[in-house]
PDB file of N, CA and C in Angstrom:
ATOM      1  N   MET A   1     174.968 147.030 139.421  1.00  0.00           N
ATOM      2  CA  MET A   1     174.747 147.325 140.828  1.00  0.00           C
ATOM      3  C   MET A   1     173.928 148.573 140.949  1.00  0.00           C
ATOM      4  N   SER A   2     173.143 148.619 141.982  1.00  0.00           N
ATOM      5  CA  SER A   2     172.291 149.727 142.241  1.00  0.00           C
ATOM      6  C   SER A   2     173.108 150.932 142.723  1.00  0.00           C
ATOM      7  N   ASN A   3     172.779 152.133 142.249  1.00  0.00           N
ATOM      8  CA  ASN A   3     173.475 153.341 142.647  1.00  0.00           C
ATOM      9  C   ASN A   3     173.245 153.629 144.154  1.00  0.00           C
ATOM     10  N   GLY A   4     172.096 153.122 144.661  1.00  0.00           N
ATOM     11  CA  GLY A   4     171.706 153.420 146.047  1.00  0.00           C
ATOM     12  C   GLY A   4     172.481 152.500 147.078  1.00  0.00           C
ATOM     13  N   LEU A   5     173.213 151.534 146.593  1.00  0.00           N
ATOM     14  CA  LEU A   5     173.936 150.613 147.421  1.00  0.00           C
ATOM     15  C   LEU A   5     175.223 151.241 147.953  1.00  0.00           C
ATOM     16  N   SER A   6     175.332 151.274 149.271  1.00  0.00           N
ATOM     17  CA  SER A   6     176.518 151.852 149.824  1.00  0.00           C
ATOM     18  C   SER A   6     177.653 150.855 149.773  1.00  0.00           C
ATOM     19  N   PHE A   7     178.836 151.398 149.884  1.00  0.00           N
ATOM     20  CA  PHE A   7     180.039 150.577 149.890  1.00  0.00           C
ATOM     21  C   PHE A   7     180.034 149.594 151.041  1.00  0.00           C
ATOM     22  N   GLU A   8     179.610 150.077 152.176  1.00  0.00           N
ATOM     23  CA  GLU A   8     179.552 149.237 153.362  1.00  0.00           C
ATOM     24  C   GLU A   8     178.569 148.059 153.248  1.00  0.00           C
ATOM     25  N   LYS A   9     177.391 148.363 152.688  1.00  0.00           N
ATOM     26  CA  LYS A   9     176.406 147.290 152.491  1.00  0.00           C
ATOM     27  C   LYS A   9     176.892 146.288 151.455  1.00  0.00           C
ATOM     28  N   ALA A  10     177.533 146.783 150.455  1.00  0.00           N
ATOM     29  CA  ALA A  10     178.073 145.864 149.420  1.00  0.00           C
ATOM     30  C   ALA A  10     179.149 144.969 149.972  1.00  0.00           C
ATOM     31  N   MET A  11     180.021 145.504 150.805  1.00  0.00           N
ATOM     32  CA  MET A  11     181.028 144.719 151.459  1.00  0.00           C
ATOM     33  C   MET A  11     180.482 143.651 152.431  1.00  0.00           C
ATOM     34  N   LYS A  12     179.445 144.074 153.150  1.00  0.00           N
ATOM     35  CA  LYS A  12     178.798 143.182 154.087  1.00  0.00           C
ATOM     36  C   LYS A  12     178.190 141.991 153.305  1.00  0.00           C
ATOM     37  N   ARG A  13     177.502 142.314 152.189  1.00  0.00           N
ATOM     38  CA  ARG A  13     176.874 141.201 151.385  1.00  0.00           C
ATOM     39  C   ARG A  13     177.958 140.364 150.769  1.00  0.00           C
ATOM     40  N   LEU A  14     179.029 140.943 150.366  1.00  0.00           N
ATOM     41  CA  LEU A  14     180.111 140.180 149.790  1.00  0.00           C
ATOM     42  C   LEU A  14     180.677 139.203 150.865  1.00  0.00           C
ATOM     43  N   GLU A  15     180.899 139.618 152.061  1.00  0.00           N
ATOM     44  CA  GLU A  15     181.324 138.762 153.156  1.00  0.00           C
ATOM     45  C   GLU A  15     180.313 137.600 153.429  1.00  0.00           C
ATOM     46  N   GLU A  16     179.043 137.922 153.348  1.00  0.00           N
ATOM     47  CA  GLU A  16     178.048 136.886 153.502  1.00  0.00           C
ATOM     48  C   GLU A  16     178.140 135.803 152.395  1.00  0.00           C
ATOM     49  N   ILE A  17     178.398 136.258 151.158  1.00  0.00           N
ATOM     50  CA  ILE A  17     178.533 135.362 150.075  1.00  0.00           C
ATOM     51  C   ILE A  17     179.723 134.497 150.243  1.00  0.00           C
ATOM     52  N   VAL A  18     180.831 135.128 150.614  1.00  0.00           N
ATOM     53  CA  VAL A  18     182.035 134.312 150.849  1.00  0.00           C
ATOM     54  C   VAL A  18     181.869 133.252 151.920  1.00  0.00           C
ATOM     55  N   ASN A  19     181.202 133.566 153.009  1.00  0.00           N
ATOM     56  CA  ASN A  19     180.903 132.671 154.046  1.00  0.00           C
ATOM     57  C   ASN A  19     180.024 131.493 153.566  1.00  0.00           C
ATOM     58  N   CYS A  20     179.025 131.815 152.775  1.00  0.00           N
ATOM     59  CA  CYS A  20     178.131 130.762 152.214  1.00  0.00           C
ATOM     60  C   CYS A  20     178.945 129.821 151.341  1.00  0.00           C
ATOM     61  N   LEU A  21     179.823 130.434 150.454  1.00  0.00           N
ATOM     62  CA  LEU A  21     180.584 129.595 149.583  1.00  0.00           C
ATOM     63  C   LEU A  21     181.636 128.710 150.350  1.00  0.00           C
ATOM     64  N   GLU A  22     182.197 129.298 151.374  1.00  0.00           N
ATOM     65  CA  GLU A  22     183.139 128.505 152.157  1.00  0.00           C
ATOM     66  C   GLU A  22     182.519 127.360 152.936  1.00  0.00           C
ATOM     67  N   ASN A  23     181.263 127.584 153.372  1.00  0.00           N
ATOM     68  CA  ASN A  23     180.569 126.492 154.113  1.00  0.00           C
ATOM     69  C   ASN A  23     180.258 125.279 153.290  1.00  0.00           C
ATOM     70  N   GLY A  24     180.099 125.501 151.981  1.00  0.00           N
ATOM     71  CA  GLY A  24     179.881 124.388 151.085  1.00  0.00           C
ATOM     72  C   GLY A  24     178.519 123.808 151.152  1.00  0.00           C
ATOM     73  N   ASN A  25     177.526 124.453 151.741  1.00  0.00           N
ATOM     74  CA  ASN A  25     176.146 123.957 151.910  1.00  0.00           C
ATOM     75  C   ASN A  25     175.195 124.356 150.754  1.00  0.00           C
ATOM     76  N   LEU A  26     175.776 124.935 149.685  1.00  0.00           N
ATOM     77  CA  LEU A  26     174.922 125.475 148.590  1.00  0.00           C
ATOM     78  C   LEU A  26     174.965 124.324 147.417  1.00  0.00           C
ATOM     79  N   THR A  27     173.831 124.312 146.770  1.00  0.00           N
ATOM     80  CA  THR A  27     173.863 123.491 145.504  1.00  0.00           C
ATOM     81  C   THR A  27     174.768 124.148 144.503  1.00  0.00           C
ATOM     82  N   LEU A  28     175.052 123.418 143.514  1.00  0.00           N
ATOM     83  CA  LEU A  28     175.908 123.996 142.380  1.00  0.00           C
ATOM     84  C   LEU A  28     175.322 125.279 141.817  1.00  0.00           C
ATOM     85  N   ASP A  29     173.978 125.194 141.585  1.00  0.00           N
ATOM     86  CA  ASP A  29     173.320 126.371 140.967  1.00  0.00           C
ATOM     87  C   ASP A  29     173.355 127.562 141.954  1.00  0.00           C
ATOM     88  N   GLU A  30     173.123 127.241 143.218  1.00  0.00           N
ATOM     89  CA  GLU A  30     173.165 128.327 144.217  1.00  0.00           C
ATOM     90  C   GLU A  30     174.588 128.960 144.348  1.00  0.00           C
ATOM     91  N   ALA A  31     175.532 128.040 144.295  1.00  0.00           N
ATOM     92  CA  ALA A  31     176.954 128.463 144.401  1.00  0.00           C
ATOM     93  C   ALA A  31     177.315 129.381 143.214  1.00  0.00           C
ATOM     94  N   LEU A  32     176.909 128.951 142.065  1.00  0.00           N
ATOM     95  CA  LEU A  32     177.173 129.761 140.798  1.00  0.00           C
ATOM     96  C   LEU A  32     176.533 131.128 140.837  1.00  0.00           C
ATOM     97  N   GLU A  33     175.280 131.135 141.325  1.00  0.00           N
ATOM     98  CA  GLU A  33     174.537 132.421 141.451  1.00  0.00           C
ATOM     99  C   GLU A  33     175.244 133.294 142.452  1.00  0.00           C
ATOM    100  N   ALA A  34     175.638 132.717 143.575  1.00  0.00           N
ATOM    101  CA  ALA A  34     176.256 133.460 144.659  1.00  0.00           C
ATOM    102  C   ALA A  34     177.662 134.036 144.163  1.00  0.00           C
ATOM    103  N   TYR A  35     178.331 133.226 143.427  1.00  0.00           N
ATOM    104  CA  TYR A  35     179.661 133.571 142.921  1.00  0.00           C
ATOM    105  C   TYR A  35     179.454 134.711 141.973  1.00  0.00           C
ATOM    106  N   ASN A  36     178.469 134.712 141.057  1.00  0.00           N
ATOM    107  CA  ASN A  36     178.229 135.751 140.165  1.00  0.00           C
ATOM    108  C   ASN A  36     177.866 137.056 140.836  1.00  0.00           C
ATOM    109  N   GLU A  37     177.053 136.970 141.863  1.00  0.00           N
ATOM    110  CA  GLU A  37     176.703 138.117 142.617  1.00  0.00           C
ATOM    111  C   GLU A  37     177.953 138.712 143.329  1.00  0.00           C
ATOM    112  N   GLY A  38     178.815 137.811 143.820  1.00  0.00           N
ATOM    113  CA  GLY A  38     180.080 138.238 144.482  1.00  0.00           C
ATOM    114  C   GLY A  38     180.991 139.023 143.535  1.00  0.00           C
ATOM    115  N   ILE A  39     181.073 138.468 142.302  1.00  0.00           N
ATOM    116  CA  ILE A  39     181.946 139.160 141.332  1.00  0.00           C
ATOM    117  C   ILE A  39     181.448 140.563 141.013  1.00  0.00           C
ATOM    118  N   LYS A  40     180.147 140.653 140.836  1.00  0.00           N
ATOM    119  CA  LYS A  40     179.537 141.985 140.622  1.00  0.00           C
ATOM    120  C   LYS A  40     179.799 142.961 141.778  1.00  0.00           C
ATOM    121  N   LEU A  41     179.600 142.441 142.985  1.00  0.00           N
ATOM    122  CA  LEU A  41     179.845 143.240 144.136  1.00  0.00           C
ATOM    123  C   LEU A  41     181.305 143.646 144.303  1.00  0.00           C
ATOM    124  N   SER A  42     182.218 142.738 143.962  1.00  0.00           N
ATOM    125  CA  SER A  42     183.634 143.036 144.014  1.00  0.00           C
ATOM    126  C   SER A  42     183.951 144.141 143.035  1.00  0.00           C
ATOM    127  N   PHE A  43     183.473 144.081 141.821  1.00  0.00           N
ATOM    128  CA  PHE A  43     183.725 145.166 140.848  1.00  0.00           C
ATOM    129  C   PHE A  43     183.133 146.507 141.332  1.00  0.00           C
ATOM    130  N   TYR A  44     181.967 146.450 141.872  1.00  0.00           N
ATOM    131  CA  TYR A  44     181.270 147.627 142.386  1.00  0.00           C
ATOM    132  C   TYR A  44     182.087 148.264 143.492  1.00  0.00           C
ATOM    133  N   CYS A  45     182.571 147.476 144.458  1.00  0.00           N
ATOM    134  CA  CYS A  45     183.424 147.981 145.548  1.00  0.00           C
ATOM    135  C   CYS A  45     184.660 148.555 145.061  1.00  0.00           C
ATOM    136  N   ASN A  46     185.327 147.886 144.077  1.00  0.00           N
ATOM    137  CA  ASN A  46     186.537 148.341 143.550  1.00  0.00           C
ATOM    138  C   ASN A  46     186.310 149.707 142.896  1.00  0.00           C
ATOM    139  N   LYS A  47     185.261 149.861 142.166  1.00  0.00           N
ATOM    140  CA  LYS A  47     184.945 151.153 141.512  1.00  0.00           C
ATOM    141  C   LYS A  47     184.793 152.214 142.522  1.00  0.00           C
ATOM    142  N   LYS A  48     184.072 151.922 143.584  1.00  0.00           N
ATOM    143  CA  LYS A  48     183.811 152.903 144.654  1.00  0.00           C
ATOM    144  C   LYS A  48     185.113 153.342 145.265  1.00  0.00           C
ATOM    145  N   LEU A  49     186.084 152.404 145.503  1.00  0.00           N
ATOM    146  CA  LEU A  49     187.305 152.741 146.054  1.00  0.00           C
ATOM    147  C   LEU A  49     188.147 153.605 145.184  1.00  0.00           C
ATOM    148  N   GLU A  50     188.095 153.326 143.845  1.00  0.00           N
ATOM    149  CA  GLU A  50     188.865 154.107 142.855  1.00  0.00           C
ATOM    150  C   GLU A  50     188.273 155.559 142.868  1.00  0.00           C
ATOM    151  N   GLU A  51     186.966 155.648 142.932  1.00  0.00           N
ATOM    152  CA  GLU A  51     186.277 157.012 142.974  1.00  0.00           C
ATOM    153  C   GLU A  51     186.770 157.749 144.219  1.00  0.00           C
ATOM    154  N   ALA A  52     186.819 157.079 145.297  1.00  0.00           N
ATOM    155  CA  ALA A  52     187.246 157.743 146.560  1.00  0.00           C
ATOM    156  C   ALA A  52     188.653 158.176 146.465  1.00  0.00           C
ATOM    157  N   GLU A  53     189.509 157.386 145.912  1.00  0.00           N
ATOM    158  CA  GLU A  53     190.946 157.718 145.725  1.00  0.00           C
ATOM    159  C   GLU A  53     191.104 159.032 144.965  1.00  0.00           C
ATOM    160  N   GLY A  54     190.267 159.177 143.930  1.00  0.00           N
ATOM    161  CA  GLY A  54     190.289 160.308 143.084  1.00  0.00           C
ATOM    162  C   GLY A  54     189.872 161.634 143.752  1.00  0.00           C
ATOM    163  N   LYS A  55     189.098 161.425 144.861  1.00  0.00           N
ATOM    164  CA  LYS A  55     188.595 162.596 145.531  1.00  0.00           C
ATOM    165  C   LYS A  55     189.458 163.086 146.722  1.00  0.00           C
ATOM    166  N   ILE A  56     190.384 162.223 147.069  1.00  0.00           N
ATOM    167  CA  ILE A  56     191.222 162.522 148.256  1.00  0.00           C
ATOM    168  C   ILE A  56     192.196 163.686 147.861  1.00  0.00           C
ATOM    169  N   VAL A  57     192.222 164.707 148.637  1.00  0.00           N
ATOM    170  CA  VAL A  57     193.090 165.774 148.349  1.00  0.00           C
ATOM    171  C   VAL A  57     193.885 166.086 149.693  1.00  0.00           C
ATOM    172  N   LYS A  58     194.970 166.744 149.469  1.00  0.00           N
ATOM    173  CA  LYS A  58     195.832 167.141 150.527  1.00  0.00           C
ATOM    174  C   LYS A  58     196.000 168.702 150.514  1.00  0.00           C
ATOM    175  N   ILE A  59     195.883 169.309 151.634  1.00  0.00           N
ATOM    176  CA  ILE A  59     196.040 170.791 151.664  1.00  0.00           C
ATOM    177  C   ILE A  59     197.502 171.045 152.066  1.00  0.00           C
ATOM    178  N   ILE A  60     198.164 171.850 151.232  1.00  0.00           N
ATOM    179  CA  ILE A  60     199.568 172.152 151.452  1.00  0.00           C
ATOM    180  C   ILE A  60     199.653 173.625 151.855  1.00  0.00           C
ATOM    181  N   ASN A  61     200.526 173.867 152.882  1.00  0.00           N
ATOM    182  CA  ASN A  61     200.815 175.268 153.275  1.00  0.00           C
ATOM    183  C   ASN A  61     202.117 175.630 152.599  1.00  0.00           C
ATOM    184  N   ASP A  62     202.074 176.465 151.610  1.00  0.00           N
ATOM    185  CA  ASP A  62     203.258 176.945 150.881  1.00  0.00           C
ATOM    186  C   ASP A  62     203.370 178.411 151.072  1.00  0.00           C
ATOM    187  N   ASN A  63     204.292 178.836 151.960  1.00  0.00           N
ATOM    188  CA  ASN A  63     204.404 180.257 152.230  1.00  0.00           C
ATOM    189  C   ASN A  63     203.100 180.912 152.665  1.00  0.00           C
ATOM    190  N   ASP A  64     202.464 180.257 153.653  1.00  0.00           N
ATOM    191  CA  ASP A  64     201.135 180.730 154.178  1.00  0.00           C
ATOM    192  C   ASP A  64     200.055 180.864 153.062  1.00  0.00           C
ATOM    193  N   VAL A  65     200.227 180.200 151.918  1.00  0.00           N
ATOM    194  CA  VAL A  65     199.191 180.094 150.922  1.00  0.00           C
ATOM    195  C   VAL A  65     198.770 178.611 150.861  1.00  0.00           C
ATOM    196  N   TYR A  66     197.509 178.402 151.102  1.00  0.00           N
ATOM    197  CA  TYR A  66     197.022 177.035 151.106  1.00  0.00           C
ATOM    198  C   TYR A  66     196.440 176.605 149.718  1.00  0.00           C
ATOM    199  N   LYS A  67     196.794 175.422 149.341  1.00  0.00           N
ATOM    200  CA  LYS A  67     196.255 174.899 148.024  1.00  0.00           C
ATOM    201  C   LYS A  67     195.957 173.424 148.202  1.00  0.00           C
ATOM    202  N   GLU A  68     195.092 172.940 147.379  1.00  0.00           N
ATOM    203  CA  GLU A  68     194.724 171.527 147.409  1.00  0.00           C
ATOM    204  C   GLU A  68     195.545 170.785 146.376  1.00  0.00           C
ATOM    205  N   THR A  69     196.062 169.632 146.743  1.00  0.00           N
ATOM    206  CA  THR A  69     196.757 168.784 145.770  1.00  0.00           C
ATOM    207  C   THR A  69     196.159 167.391 145.782  1.00  0.00           C
ATOM    208  N   ASP A  70     196.030 166.832 144.609  1.00  0.00           N
ATOM    209  CA  ASP A  70     195.347 165.515 144.424  1.00  0.00           C
ATOM    210  C   ASP A  70     196.444 164.449 144.850  1.00  0.00           C
ATOM    211  N   ILE A  71     196.219 163.800 145.970  1.00  0.00           N
ATOM    212  CA  ILE A  71     197.179 162.825 146.481  1.00  0.00           C
ATOM    213  C   ILE A  71     197.324 161.683 145.517  1.00  0.00           C
ATOM    214  N   TYR A  72     196.246 161.221 144.915  1.00  0.00           N
ATOM    215  CA  TYR A  72     196.307 160.106 144.004  1.00  0.00           C
ATOM    216  C   TYR A  72     197.344 160.336 142.916  1.00  0.00           C
ATOM    217  N   ASN A  73     197.222 161.496 142.231  1.00  0.00           N
ATOM    218  CA  ASN A  73     198.169 161.835 141.144  1.00  0.00           C
ATOM    219  C   ASN A  73     199.537 162.027 141.742  1.00  0.00           C
ATOM    220  N   GLU A  74     199.675 162.641 142.881  1.00  0.00           N
ATOM    221  CA  GLU A  74     200.943 162.858 143.506  1.00  0.00           C
ATOM    222  C   GLU A  74     201.647 161.519 143.710  1.00  0.00           C
ATOM    223  N   LEU A  75     200.967 160.511 144.189  1.00  0.00           N
ATOM    224  CA  LEU A  75     201.547 159.209 144.503  1.00  0.00           C
ATOM    225  C   LEU A  75     201.981 158.482 143.190  1.00  0.00           C
ATOM    226  N   LYS A  76     201.290 158.727 142.052  1.00  0.00           N
ATOM    227  CA  LYS A  76     201.624 158.083 140.873  1.00  0.00           C
ATOM    228  C   LYS A  76     202.918 158.654 140.288  1.00  0.00           C
ATOM    229  N   GLU A  77     203.274 159.867 140.650  1.00  0.00           N
ATOM    230  CA  GLU A  77     204.466 160.482 140.098  1.00  0.00           C
ATOM    231  C   GLU A  77     205.770 159.931 140.712  1.00  0.00           C
TER     232      GLU A  77
END
């Protein structure tokens, strides 16, 4: 997948592919091609979500001292 592709654009394209596959108006070759593109987009979106989860932080006020905590790691504990 292209690094310039945004999560939102990838999701929109994935929805279009799902709609086309659900309609059943594609030839077998077209359906396979669309399915393969959909799988790639799905992996791309999942990777983007995992990256976003890793960047989410929470600011904690501990005796008037603020520090950042990684929510993702905190939730895993």
